[in-house]
Amino acid sequence: MGTTNSAPVFDRSVDPPLFLGVVANDVYLDAFEQVLGENAQSSTMLQRFIRLSIAQCPKIDLSECQLEGLRYLAGGEEATCGICNSSDYPGIIPTECPFKPDLPTNLWQNTDGE
């Protein structure tokens, strides 16, 4: 039996941070049993997982135009509130560069825990 650990990955070199996806790895529960000294199927094991978890959602402050840009990306023009012009969606709609990948070059910017 096993479980999957996962975490969101953001490109924090841009403002607002751009969600790239999720990184995950599978772990067998017997490894946790050895480390935590509990039966993997016990409620005590689950409670220890919860207590030791440091997961938290990142705090991202968005301007009204950035929020409007996210609405536009998710549902098009009809999903917006008409607050901002589509040319005012700063950092939300990525610009394309010819012959340059759109992936970040420094994923270690995600290790600051913010």
C-alpha atoms as a PDB file:
ATOM      1  CA  MET A   1       0.000   0.000   0.000  1.00  0.00           C
ATOM      2  CA  GLY A   2       1.219   3.525  -0.663  1.00  0.00           C
ATOM      3  CA  THR A   3       0.378   7.189  -0.822  1.00  0.00           C
ATOM      4  CA  THR A   4       1.231  10.099  -3.082  1.00  0.00           C
ATOM      5  CA  ASN A   5       2.899  13.316  -1.937  1.00  0.00           C
ATOM      6  CA  SER A   6       2.206  16.319  -4.128  1.00  0.00           C
ATOM      7  CA  ALA A   7       2.783  20.066  -4.296  1.00  0.00           C
ATOM      8  CA  PRO A   8       1.854  22.849  -6.716  1.00  0.00           C
ATOM      9  CA  VAL A   9       4.627  24.407  -8.801  1.00  0.00           C
ATOM     10  CA  PHE A  10       4.625  28.117  -9.640  1.00  0.00           C
ATOM     11  CA  ASP A  11       6.929  30.246 -11.780  1.00  0.00           C
ATOM     12  CA  ARG A  12       7.715  32.882  -9.151  1.00  0.00           C
ATOM     13  CA  SER A  13       9.961  34.882 -11.461  1.00  0.00           C
ATOM     14  CA  VAL A  14       6.861  36.631 -12.854  1.00  0.00           C
ATOM     15  CA  ASP A  15       4.164  38.695 -11.154  1.00  0.00           C
ATOM     16  CA  PRO A  16       1.721  37.238 -10.363  1.00  0.00           C
ATOM     17  CA  PRO A  17       3.262  33.774  -9.996  1.00  0.00           C
ATOM     18  CA  LEU A  18       2.228  31.524 -12.883  1.00  0.00           C
ATOM     19  CA  PHE A  19       0.856  28.080 -11.988  1.00  0.00           C
ATOM     20  CA  LEU A  20       2.796  25.480 -13.976  1.00  0.00           C
ATOM     21  CA  GLY A  21       1.420  22.234 -12.640  1.00  0.00           C
ATOM     22  CA  VAL A  22       1.885  19.722  -9.865  1.00  0.00           C
ATOM     23  CA  VAL A  23       4.885  17.626  -8.891  1.00  0.00           C
ATOM     24  CA  ALA A  24       4.221  14.326  -7.118  1.00  0.00           C
ATOM     25  CA  ASN A  25       5.912  11.155  -5.967  1.00  0.00           C
ATOM     26  CA  ASP A  26       4.602   7.844  -4.672  1.00  0.00           C
ATOM     27  CA  VAL A  27       5.805   6.449  -1.360  1.00  0.00           C
ATOM     28  CA  TYR A  28       5.159   3.012   0.124  1.00  0.00           C
ATOM     29  CA  LEU A  29       3.500   3.232   3.528  1.00  0.00           C
ATOM     30  CA  ASP A  30       5.914   0.730   5.063  1.00  0.00           C
ATOM     31  CA  ALA A  31       8.582   3.439   4.809  1.00  0.00           C
ATOM     32  CA  PHE A  32       6.354   5.750   6.865  1.00  0.00           C
ATOM     33  CA  GLU A  33       5.703   2.928   9.342  1.00  0.00           C
ATOM     34  CA  GLN A  34       9.441   2.601   9.920  1.00  0.00           C
ATOM     35  CA  VAL A  35       9.984   6.338  10.354  1.00  0.00           C
ATOM     36  CA  LEU A  36       6.885   7.113  12.434  1.00  0.00           C
ATOM     37  CA  GLY A  37       6.673   3.799  14.306  1.00  0.00           C
ATOM     38  CA  GLU A  38       2.940   3.395  13.632  1.00  0.00           C
ATOM     39  CA  ASN A  39       0.752   0.964  11.713  1.00  0.00           C
ATOM     40  CA  ALA A  40      -0.028   2.452   8.283  1.00  0.00           C
ATOM     41  CA  GLN A  41      -3.731   1.671   8.621  1.00  0.00           C
ATOM     42  CA  SER A  42      -4.192   3.230  12.053  1.00  0.00           C
ATOM     43  CA  SER A  43      -5.964   6.495  12.750  1.00  0.00           C
ATOM     44  CA  THR A  44      -2.903   7.468  14.797  1.00  0.00           C
ATOM     45  CA  MET A  45      -0.810   7.389  11.592  1.00  0.00           C
ATOM     46  CA  LEU A  46      -3.325   9.663   9.862  1.00  0.00           C
ATOM     47  CA  GLN A  47      -3.305  12.088  12.799  1.00  0.00           C
ATOM     48  CA  ARG A  48       0.518  12.197  12.719  1.00  0.00           C
ATOM     49  CA  PHE A  49       0.429  12.949   8.972  1.00  0.00           C
ATOM     50  CA  ILE A  50      -1.946  15.827   9.610  1.00  0.00           C
ATOM     51  CA  ARG A  51       0.068  17.165  12.562  1.00  0.00           C
ATOM     52  CA  LEU A  52       3.387  16.978  10.672  1.00  0.00           C
ATOM     53  CA  SER A  53       2.038  18.460   7.457  1.00  0.00           C
ATOM     54  CA  ILE A  54       3.487  21.829   6.532  1.00  0.00           C
ATOM     55  CA  ALA A  55       1.389  22.228   3.409  1.00  0.00           C
ATOM     56  CA  GLN A  56      -0.232  25.590   2.906  1.00  0.00           C
ATOM     57  CA  CYS A  57      -1.782  27.489   0.057  1.00  0.00           C
ATOM     58  CA  PRO A  58       0.391  30.311  -1.273  1.00  0.00           C
ATOM     59  CA  LYS A  59      -0.819  33.845  -0.629  1.00  0.00           C
ATOM     60  CA  ILE A  60      -1.050  35.624  -3.955  1.00  0.00           C
ATOM     61  CA  ASP A  61      -2.268  39.217  -3.975  1.00  0.00           C
ATOM     62  CA  LEU A  62      -3.868  40.054  -7.310  1.00  0.00           C
ATOM     63  CA  SER A  63      -4.869  43.432  -8.638  1.00  0.00           C
ATOM     64  CA  GLU A  64      -8.353  43.809 -10.118  1.00  0.00           C
ATOM     65  CA  CYS A  65      -6.878  43.659 -13.636  1.00  0.00           C
ATOM     66  CA  GLN A  66      -4.877  40.509 -12.839  1.00  0.00           C
ATOM     67  CA  LEU A  67      -8.029  38.866 -11.481  1.00  0.00           C
ATOM     68  CA  GLU A  68      -9.885  39.946 -14.595  1.00  0.00           C
ATOM     69  CA  GLY A  69      -7.090  38.395 -16.689  1.00  0.00           C
ATOM     70  CA  LEU A  70      -7.570  35.058 -14.920  1.00  0.00           C
ATOM     71  CA  ARG A  71     -11.298  35.231 -15.638  1.00  0.00           C
ATOM     72  CA  TYR A  72     -10.471  35.901 -19.284  1.00  0.00           C
ATOM     73  CA  LEU A  73      -8.102  32.924 -19.490  1.00  0.00           C
ATOM     74  CA  ALA A  74     -10.634  30.602 -17.870  1.00  0.00           C
ATOM     75  CA  GLY A  75     -13.736  31.624 -19.800  1.00  0.00           C
ATOM     76  CA  GLY A  76     -12.981  34.188 -22.457  1.00  0.00           C
ATOM     77  CA  GLU A  77     -14.405  37.670 -22.787  1.00  0.00           C
ATOM     78  CA  GLU A  78     -17.846  36.621 -21.526  1.00  0.00           C
ATOM     79  CA  ALA A  79     -16.324  35.539 -18.183  1.00  0.00           C
ATOM     80  CA  THR A  80     -14.936  39.002 -17.430  1.00  0.00           C
ATOM     81  CA  CYS A  81     -16.627  41.786 -15.493  1.00  0.00           C
ATOM     82  CA  GLY A  82     -15.543  44.546 -17.875  1.00  0.00           C
ATOM     83  CA  ILE A  83     -13.366  46.232 -15.246  1.00  0.00           C
ATOM     84  CA  CYS A  84     -10.187  46.298 -17.354  1.00  0.00           C
ATOM     85  CA  ASN A  85      -9.252  46.339 -20.993  1.00  0.00           C
ATOM     86  CA  SER A  86      -7.720  43.070 -22.204  1.00  0.00           C
ATOM     87  CA  SER A  87      -4.464  44.936 -22.870  1.00  0.00           C
ATOM     88  CA  ASP A  88      -4.335  45.676 -19.104  1.00  0.00           C
ATOM     89  CA  TYR A  89      -3.972  42.034 -17.982  1.00  0.00           C
ATOM     90  CA  PRO A  90      -0.407  42.414 -16.691  1.00  0.00           C
ATOM     91  CA  GLY A  91       1.570  39.198 -16.406  1.00  0.00           C
ATOM     92  CA  ILE A  92      -1.495  36.986 -16.734  1.00  0.00           C
ATOM     93  CA  ILE A  93      -1.524  36.262 -20.441  1.00  0.00           C
ATOM     94  CA  PRO A  94       1.981  35.043 -21.313  1.00  0.00           C
ATOM     95  CA  THR A  95       3.676  36.628 -24.266  1.00  0.00           C
ATOM     96  CA  GLU A  96       5.178  34.272 -26.793  1.00  0.00           C
ATOM     97  CA  CYS A  97       8.802  34.561 -27.783  1.00  0.00           C
ATOM     98  CA  PRO A  98       9.936  32.863 -30.985  1.00  0.00           C
ATOM     99  CA  PHE A  99      12.467  30.041 -30.512  1.00  0.00           C
ATOM    100  CA  LYS A 100      12.353  30.348 -26.712  1.00  0.00           C
ATOM    101  CA  PRO A 101      10.646  27.753 -24.501  1.00  0.00           C
ATOM    102  CA  ASP A 102       7.909  29.038 -22.235  1.00  0.00           C
ATOM    103  CA  LEU A 103       9.074  26.932 -19.297  1.00  0.00           C
ATOM    104  CA  PRO A 104      10.909  28.567 -16.388  1.00  0.00           C
ATOM    105  CA  THR A 105      14.640  28.104 -16.092  1.00  0.00           C
ATOM    106  CA  ASN A 106      14.865  28.192 -12.295  1.00  0.00           C
ATOM    107  CA  LEU A 107      12.433  25.859 -10.511  1.00  0.00           C
ATOM    108  CA  TRP A 108      14.313  26.359  -7.227  1.00  0.00           C
ATOM    109  CA  GLN A 109      12.382  29.618  -6.800  1.00  0.00           C
ATOM    110  CA  ASN A 110       9.583  27.379  -5.492  1.00  0.00           C
ATOM    111  CA  THR A 111      11.510  26.373  -2.383  1.00  0.00           C
ATOM    112  CA  ASP A 112      10.890  29.541  -0.365  1.00  0.00           C
ATOM    113  CA  GLY A 113       7.575  28.187   0.992  1.00  0.00           C
ATOM    114  CA  GLU A 114       5.619  31.364   0.449  1.00  0.00           C
END
